[in-house]
Protein backbone atom coordinates (compact mmCIF):
# COMPACT_ATOMS: atom_id res chain seq x y z
CA MET A 1 -0.17 -0.33 0.11
CA LYS A 2 0.69 3.57 -0.94
CA ILE A 3 1.48 6.37 2.07
CA LYS A 4 -0.31 8.86 1.31
CA HIS A 5 1.06 12.62 1.63
CA SER A 6 -0.38 16.11 1.42
CA SER A 7 0.71 19.20 0.77
CA ARG A 8 -2.16 20.85 1.52
CA ARG A 9 -2.69 22.87 5.12
CA TRP A 10 -4.12 20.78 8.25
CA THR A 11 -7.25 22.21 10.01
CA ILE A 12 -9.01 20.79 12.78
CA GLU A 13 -11.93 20.64 10.35
CA ARG A 14 -10.11 18.73 7.71
CA ILE A 15 -8.15 16.32 10.05
CA LEU A 16 -11.75 15.47 11.37
CA CYS A 17 -13.15 14.91 7.58
CA GLU A 18 -10.10 12.94 7.07
CA ILE A 19 -10.24 10.79 9.65
CA LEU A 20 -14.72 9.95 9.07
CA LYS A 21 -12.92 8.87 5.52
CA LEU A 22 -11.03 6.07 7.02
CA PRO A 23 -11.66 2.77 6.73
CA GLU A 24 -10.48 1.96 10.11
CA VAL A 25 -9.47 4.26 12.76
CA SER A 26 -6.84 2.85 14.81
CA ALA A 27 -3.73 4.45 15.46
CA LYS A 28 -1.62 1.81 14.05
CA HIS A 29 -3.40 1.99 10.80
CA ALA A 30 -3.33 5.86 10.74
CA GLN A 31 0.22 5.68 11.65
CA HIS A 32 1.39 3.49 8.60
CA LEU A 33 -0.82 4.67 5.85
CA HIS A 34 -1.53 7.95 6.98
CA ALA A 35 1.60 9.04 8.43
CA ASP A 36 0.69 12.96 7.50
CA LEU A 37 -2.90 12.72 9.17
CA TYR A 38 -1.73 11.04 12.27
CA SER A 39 1.12 13.53 12.64
CA ALA A 40 -1.62 16.35 12.35
CA ALA A 41 -3.75 15.28 14.37
CA ILE A 42 -1.11 14.95 17.44
CA ARG A 43 -0.23 18.20 16.70
CA HIS A 44 -3.83 19.91 17.16
CA PHE A 45 -5.42 17.49 19.57
CA SER A 46 -1.95 15.87 21.30
CA SER A 47 -3.29 12.21 20.58
CA TRP A 48 -4.86 10.32 17.82
CA ARG A 49 -7.15 8.97 20.49
CA LYS A 50 -8.59 12.86 21.13
CA ALA A 51 -8.68 13.23 17.45
CA VAL A 52 -10.78 9.78 16.91
CA GLU A 53 -12.90 10.98 19.75
CA ALA A 54 -13.31 14.81 18.57
CA ALA A 55 -14.47 12.81 15.18
CA GLY A 56 -17.27 10.96 16.78
CA PHE A 57 -16.24 7.95 17.42
CA GLU A 58 -15.87 5.78 20.54
CA TYR A 59 -12.11 5.63 20.65
CA GLN A 60 -12.34 2.26 23.10
CA ARG A 61 -14.96 0.79 20.04
CA VAL A 62 -12.73 1.41 17.30
CA SER A 63 -9.21 0.85 18.68
CA LYS A 64 -7.57 -2.20 17.59
CA ARG A 65 -6.10 -2.06 21.27
CA LYS A 66 -7.89 -3.70 23.87
CA LEU A 67 -7.90 -3.34 27.54
CA ARG A 68 -7.84 -6.51 29.09
CA GLY A 69 -10.78 -7.13 31.24
CA HIS A 70 -13.19 -5.00 29.29
CA TRP A 71 -12.70 -2.23 32.02
CA SER A 72 -15.80 0.72 32.12
CA CYS A 73 -15.66 3.16 34.34
CA GLU A 74 -18.22 1.30 36.85
CA ARG A 75 -15.46 -1.46 37.26
CA ILE A 76 -12.47 0.86 38.04
CA VAL A 77 -14.30 2.54 41.20
CA ALA A 78 -15.61 -1.04 42.06
CA GLU A 79 -12.38 -1.98 42.24
CA ILE A 80 -10.90 0.66 43.83
CA THR A 81 -13.25 0.75 46.50
CA GLN A 82 -12.74 -3.03 46.88
CA LEU A 83 -8.83 -1.98 46.97
CA SER A 84 -9.48 0.53 49.60
CA LYS A 85 -11.09 -2.11 52.19
CA LYS A 86 -7.43 -3.64 51.65
CA ASN A 87 -5.70 -0.27 52.47
CA SER A 88 -3.43 -1.04 49.48
CA ASN A 89 -2.17 2.00 47.80
CA HIS A 90 0.59 0.26 45.39
CA VAL A 91 -2.42 0.11 42.80
CA ARG A 92 0.56 1.97 40.03
CA SER A 93 2.63 -1.10 40.41
CA ASN A 94 0.76 -4.15 41.28
CA ARG A 95 -2.39 -3.44 39.50
CA ARG A 96 -1.33 -1.70 36.47
CA ASP A 97 -4.07 -3.14 34.44
CA LEU A 98 -6.66 -1.14 36.77
CA TYR A 99 -4.22 1.83 36.75
CA SER A 100 -3.66 2.35 33.04
CA ALA A 101 -7.47 1.58 32.48
CA ALA A 102 -8.04 4.47 34.72
CA ILE A 103 -5.88 6.58 32.88
CA ARG A 104 -7.77 5.87 29.64
CA LEU A 105 -11.52 6.17 30.90
CA PHE A 106 -11.14 9.07 33.72
CA GLY A 107 -8.33 10.90 32.20
CA ASN A 108 -5.88 10.42 35.31
CA TRP A 109 -5.84 7.98 38.49
CA GLN A 110 -7.18 11.11 40.41
CA SER A 111 -9.77 11.20 38.98
CA ALA A 112 -10.53 7.95 39.06
CA VAL A 113 -10.55 7.98 42.72
CA GLU A 114 -12.67 10.58 42.95
CA ALA A 115 -15.29 8.97 41.14
CA ALA A 116 -15.43 6.33 43.22
CA GLY A 117 -15.91 8.97 45.98
CA PHE A 118 -12.64 9.09 47.93
CA ASN A 119 -10.75 12.75 48.75
CA TYR A 120 -7.59 12.05 46.53
CA ASP A 121 -5.33 14.75 48.39
CA GLU A 122 -6.35 13.43 51.49
CA ILE A 123 -5.14 10.03 49.92
CA ARG A 124 -1.99 11.32 48.55
CA GLN A 125 -1.45 13.33 52.11
CA ASP A 126 -1.29 9.75 53.71
CA TRP A 127 0.81 8.04 51.18
CA VAL A 128 3.15 10.78 51.41
CA SER A 129 3.28 11.01 55.26
CA SER A 130 3.10 7.83 56.39
CA ASP A 131 4.17 4.10 55.35
CA ALA A 132 3.50 3.16 52.45
CA ASP A 133 2.12 0.04 52.62
CA LYS A 134 -0.71 1.74 55.38
CA ILE A 135 -2.66 4.30 53.02
CA ARG A 136 -6.17 5.07 54.28
CA PHE A 137 -9.04 5.40 52.00
CA ARG A 138 -11.56 7.70 53.13
CA LYS A 139 -14.70 8.69 51.40
CA LYS A 140 -15.85 12.39 50.95
């Protein structure tokens, strides 16, 4: 297959229009076959995912890369709540799947923790000021 290149200026409208024309909107497909579009999308939207979502797609459904275990916002909140009962703060290293899914679906770990009903600042303060294994989750 031939890689498409264009010398025309990339605008947000043009990027979105071109994404809508793609037979497949996965990042891998765009990187390999539509490199100029992919680069322009990154420049204007800061990520391919944000560009695809701005075009109206639900990224998780159209992405070739699926989250292990089919994570949902509800499942992430339930897992965080369950971890709070165990006083576990090693999510980033021991539960990489949960941490990655939370970042992907909530934008950052803080938003996921807060969606579960916890005060992130208190949790973070406990983690910084106390023994790392004794973090306490407190509901807002």
